[in-house]
Amino acid sequence: MIREVIRPQYTNFTINIPTSYIDREVEFIMFPLDEQEITQNIKKKKRKSLRGVFNQYADNSKISLDNTQ
């Protein structure tokens, strides 16, 4: 997959297609990116943590041994 964000200066735009894409179906999608919306989306994303994900597999009898190694 190739993704490139550009800021066109003219109504015509030429692209170079990689040779590995020749004779294959490809899709071109064009839509405007609102810079303020992108910034807000980045700020909204919270860091996800794996902390506690494997709790169900923990052997409580061995937890005290964790800190002794």
N, C-alpha and C. Protein backbone atom coordinates (compact mmCIF):
# COMPACT_ATOMS: atom_id res chain seq x y z
N MET A 1 0.84 -1.17 0.00
CA MET A 1 0.00 0.00 0.00
C MET A 1 0.88 1.23 0.00
N ILE A 2 0.48 2.19 -0.77
CA ILE A 2 1.20 3.45 -0.84
C ILE A 2 0.23 4.55 -0.44
N ARG A 3 0.65 5.38 0.50
CA ARG A 3 -0.18 6.51 0.89
C ARG A 3 0.70 7.73 0.90
N GLU A 4 0.22 8.78 0.26
CA GLU A 4 0.99 10.01 0.22
C GLU A 4 0.04 11.19 0.32
N VAL A 5 0.31 12.08 1.24
CA VAL A 5 -0.49 13.29 1.39
C VAL A 5 0.23 14.40 0.62
N ILE A 6 -0.49 15.04 -0.26
CA ILE A 6 0.11 16.11 -1.08
C ILE A 6 -0.73 17.37 -0.96
N ARG A 7 -0.17 18.49 -1.39
CA ARG A 7 -0.90 19.74 -1.48
C ARG A 7 -0.77 20.20 -2.94
N PRO A 8 -1.77 19.82 -3.77
CA PRO A 8 -1.67 20.16 -5.19
C PRO A 8 -1.72 21.67 -5.44
N GLN A 9 -0.96 22.08 -6.42
CA GLN A 9 -0.92 23.49 -6.80
C GLN A 9 -1.64 23.75 -8.12
N TYR A 10 -1.98 22.67 -8.82
CA TYR A 10 -2.65 22.77 -10.13
C TYR A 10 -3.78 21.75 -10.18
N THR A 11 -4.63 21.86 -11.18
CA THR A 11 -5.74 20.92 -11.32
C THR A 11 -5.30 19.60 -11.93
N ASN A 12 -4.16 19.55 -12.56
CA ASN A 12 -3.63 18.31 -13.13
C ASN A 12 -2.52 17.77 -12.24
N PHE A 13 -2.50 16.46 -12.09
CA PHE A 13 -1.48 15.84 -11.25
C PHE A 13 -1.09 14.51 -11.88
N THR A 14 0.19 14.25 -11.99
CA THR A 14 0.70 13.01 -12.57
C THR A 14 1.34 12.17 -11.48
N ILE A 15 1.08 10.88 -11.52
CA ILE A 15 1.68 9.99 -10.53
C ILE A 15 2.49 8.91 -11.23
N ASN A 16 3.51 8.44 -10.56
CA ASN A 16 4.29 7.30 -11.04
C ASN A 16 3.80 6.06 -10.32
N ILE A 17 3.48 5.04 -11.09
CA ILE A 17 2.96 3.80 -10.54
C ILE A 17 4.11 2.80 -10.45
N PRO A 18 4.32 2.18 -9.28
CA PRO A 18 5.38 1.17 -9.14
C PRO A 18 5.16 0.01 -10.11
N THR A 19 6.24 -0.55 -10.60
CA THR A 19 6.13 -1.64 -11.57
C THR A 19 5.39 -2.85 -10.99
N SER A 20 5.45 -3.04 -9.68
CA SER A 20 4.73 -4.16 -9.08
C SER A 20 3.21 -3.99 -9.16
N TYR A 21 2.74 -2.78 -9.46
CA TYR A 21 1.31 -2.53 -9.58
C TYR A 21 0.82 -2.62 -11.03
N ILE A 22 1.72 -2.76 -11.96
CA ILE A 22 1.34 -2.84 -13.37
C ILE A 22 0.52 -4.10 -13.60
N ASP A 23 -0.53 -3.97 -14.39
CA ASP A 23 -1.44 -5.05 -14.77
C ASP A 23 -2.20 -5.61 -13.55
N ARG A 24 -2.42 -4.76 -12.56
CA ARG A 24 -3.22 -5.12 -11.39
C ARG A 24 -4.26 -4.05 -11.17
N GLU A 25 -5.35 -4.40 -10.51
CA GLU A 25 -6.35 -3.40 -10.18
C GLU A 25 -5.85 -2.58 -8.99
N VAL A 26 -5.93 -1.28 -9.12
CA VAL A 26 -5.56 -0.38 -8.04
C VAL A 26 -6.70 0.61 -7.84
N GLU A 27 -6.72 1.24 -6.68
CA GLU A 27 -7.77 2.20 -6.37
C GLU A 27 -7.13 3.52 -5.98
N PHE A 28 -7.61 4.59 -6.55
CA PHE A 28 -7.16 5.93 -6.19
C PHE A 28 -8.32 6.63 -5.50
N ILE A 29 -8.06 7.16 -4.34
CA ILE A 29 -9.09 7.88 -3.59
C ILE A 29 -8.54 9.27 -3.29
N MET A 30 -9.37 10.28 -3.54
CA MET A 30 -8.94 11.65 -3.28
C MET A 30 -10.00 12.33 -2.42
N PHE A 31 -9.57 12.88 -1.29
CA PHE A 31 -10.46 13.65 -0.45
C PHE A 31 -9.64 14.69 0.29
N PRO A 32 -10.25 15.83 0.61
CA PRO A 32 -9.50 16.88 1.29
C PRO A 32 -9.26 16.52 2.75
N LEU A 33 -8.10 16.87 3.24
CA LEU A 33 -7.77 16.68 4.65
C LEU A 33 -7.85 18.02 5.34
N ASP A 34 -8.65 18.08 6.36
CA ASP A 34 -8.78 19.29 7.15
C ASP A 34 -7.72 19.24 8.25
N GLU A 35 -6.75 20.11 8.19
CA GLU A 35 -5.63 20.07 9.14
C GLU A 35 -6.08 20.17 10.58
N GLN A 36 -7.07 21.00 10.86
CA GLN A 36 -7.55 21.14 12.23
C GLN A 36 -8.20 19.84 12.70
N GLU A 37 -8.94 19.18 11.81
CA GLU A 37 -9.58 17.91 12.17
C GLU A 37 -8.54 16.84 12.46
N ILE A 38 -7.48 16.80 11.68
CA ILE A 38 -6.41 15.83 11.89
C ILE A 38 -5.75 16.05 13.25
N THR A 39 -5.46 17.29 13.57
CA THR A 39 -4.84 17.63 14.85
C THR A 39 -5.73 17.22 16.01
N GLN A 40 -7.03 17.47 15.89
CA GLN A 40 -7.96 17.10 16.95
C GLN A 40 -8.04 15.60 17.12
N ASN A 41 -8.02 14.85 16.01
CA ASN A 41 -8.09 13.40 16.09
C ASN A 41 -6.86 12.83 16.77
N ILE A 42 -5.70 13.41 16.52
CA ILE A 42 -4.46 12.94 17.15
C ILE A 42 -4.53 13.19 18.65
N LYS A 43 -5.03 14.33 19.06
CA LYS A 43 -5.13 14.65 20.48
C LYS A 43 -6.14 13.75 21.18
N LYS A 44 -7.20 13.35 20.47
CA LYS A 44 -8.24 12.51 21.06
C LYS A 44 -7.77 11.08 21.29
N LYS A 45 -6.83 10.63 20.47
CA LYS A 45 -6.37 9.25 20.61
C LYS A 45 -5.64 9.10 21.93
N LYS A 46 -6.05 8.12 22.68
CA LYS A 46 -5.40 7.86 23.95
C LYS A 46 -4.45 6.69 23.78
N ARG A 47 -3.39 6.71 24.53
CA ARG A 47 -2.46 5.59 24.49
C ARG A 47 -3.14 4.38 25.10
N LYS A 48 -3.06 3.30 24.38
CA LYS A 48 -3.64 2.07 24.89
C LYS A 48 -2.57 1.29 25.62
N SER A 49 -2.96 0.66 26.69
CA SER A 49 -2.02 -0.08 27.51
C SER A 49 -2.42 -1.55 27.54
N LEU A 50 -1.44 -2.41 27.59
CA LEU A 50 -1.71 -3.84 27.72
C LEU A 50 -1.74 -4.26 29.18
N ARG A 51 -1.59 -3.30 30.06
CA ARG A 51 -1.57 -3.60 31.49
C ARG A 51 -2.89 -4.26 31.89
N GLY A 52 -2.81 -5.42 32.48
CA GLY A 52 -3.99 -6.12 32.95
C GLY A 52 -4.64 -7.03 31.91
N VAL A 53 -4.16 -7.01 30.69
CA VAL A 53 -4.76 -7.82 29.65
C VAL A 53 -4.63 -9.31 29.95
N PHE A 54 -3.50 -9.72 30.50
CA PHE A 54 -3.25 -11.13 30.76
C PHE A 54 -3.57 -11.53 32.20
N ASN A 55 -4.28 -10.68 32.91
CA ASN A 55 -4.65 -10.96 34.30
C ASN A 55 -5.37 -12.29 34.45
N GLN A 56 -6.20 -12.62 33.49
CA GLN A 56 -6.97 -13.86 33.59
C GLN A 56 -6.08 -15.11 33.58
N TYR A 57 -4.85 -14.97 33.06
CA TYR A 57 -3.94 -16.10 32.99
C TYR A 57 -2.94 -16.14 34.16
N ALA A 58 -3.00 -15.15 35.02
CA ALA A 58 -2.04 -15.06 36.12
C ALA A 58 -2.27 -16.17 37.14
N ASP A 59 -1.17 -16.70 37.62
CA ASP A 59 -1.22 -17.71 38.68
C ASP A 59 -0.89 -16.98 39.98
N ASN A 60 -1.92 -16.70 40.77
CA ASN A 60 -1.76 -15.91 41.98
C ASN A 60 -0.74 -16.49 42.95
N SER A 61 -0.55 -17.80 42.92
CA SER A 61 0.41 -18.41 43.83
C SER A 61 1.85 -18.08 43.45
N LYS A 62 2.08 -17.61 42.24
CA LYS A 62 3.44 -17.32 41.79
C LYS A 62 3.74 -15.81 41.76
N ILE A 63 2.75 -15.00 42.03
CA ILE A 63 2.96 -13.55 41.97
C ILE A 63 4.02 -13.10 42.95
N SER A 64 4.06 -13.71 44.14
CA SER A 64 5.06 -13.31 45.13
C SER A 64 6.48 -13.64 44.64
N LEU A 65 6.64 -14.58 43.74
CA LEU A 65 7.96 -14.94 43.20
C LEU A 65 8.47 -13.94 42.15
N ASP A 66 7.55 -13.17 41.58
CA ASP A 66 7.92 -12.21 40.53
C ASP A 66 9.00 -11.23 40.99
N ASN A 67 8.87 -10.70 42.16
CA ASN A 67 9.79 -9.67 42.64
C ASN A 67 11.10 -10.24 43.18
N THR A 68 11.20 -11.54 43.32
CA THR A 68 12.40 -12.12 43.90
C THR A 68 13.43 -12.52 42.86
N GLN A 69 13.13 -12.44 41.61
CA GLN A 69 14.07 -12.88 40.58
C GLN A 69 15.01 -11.78 40.18
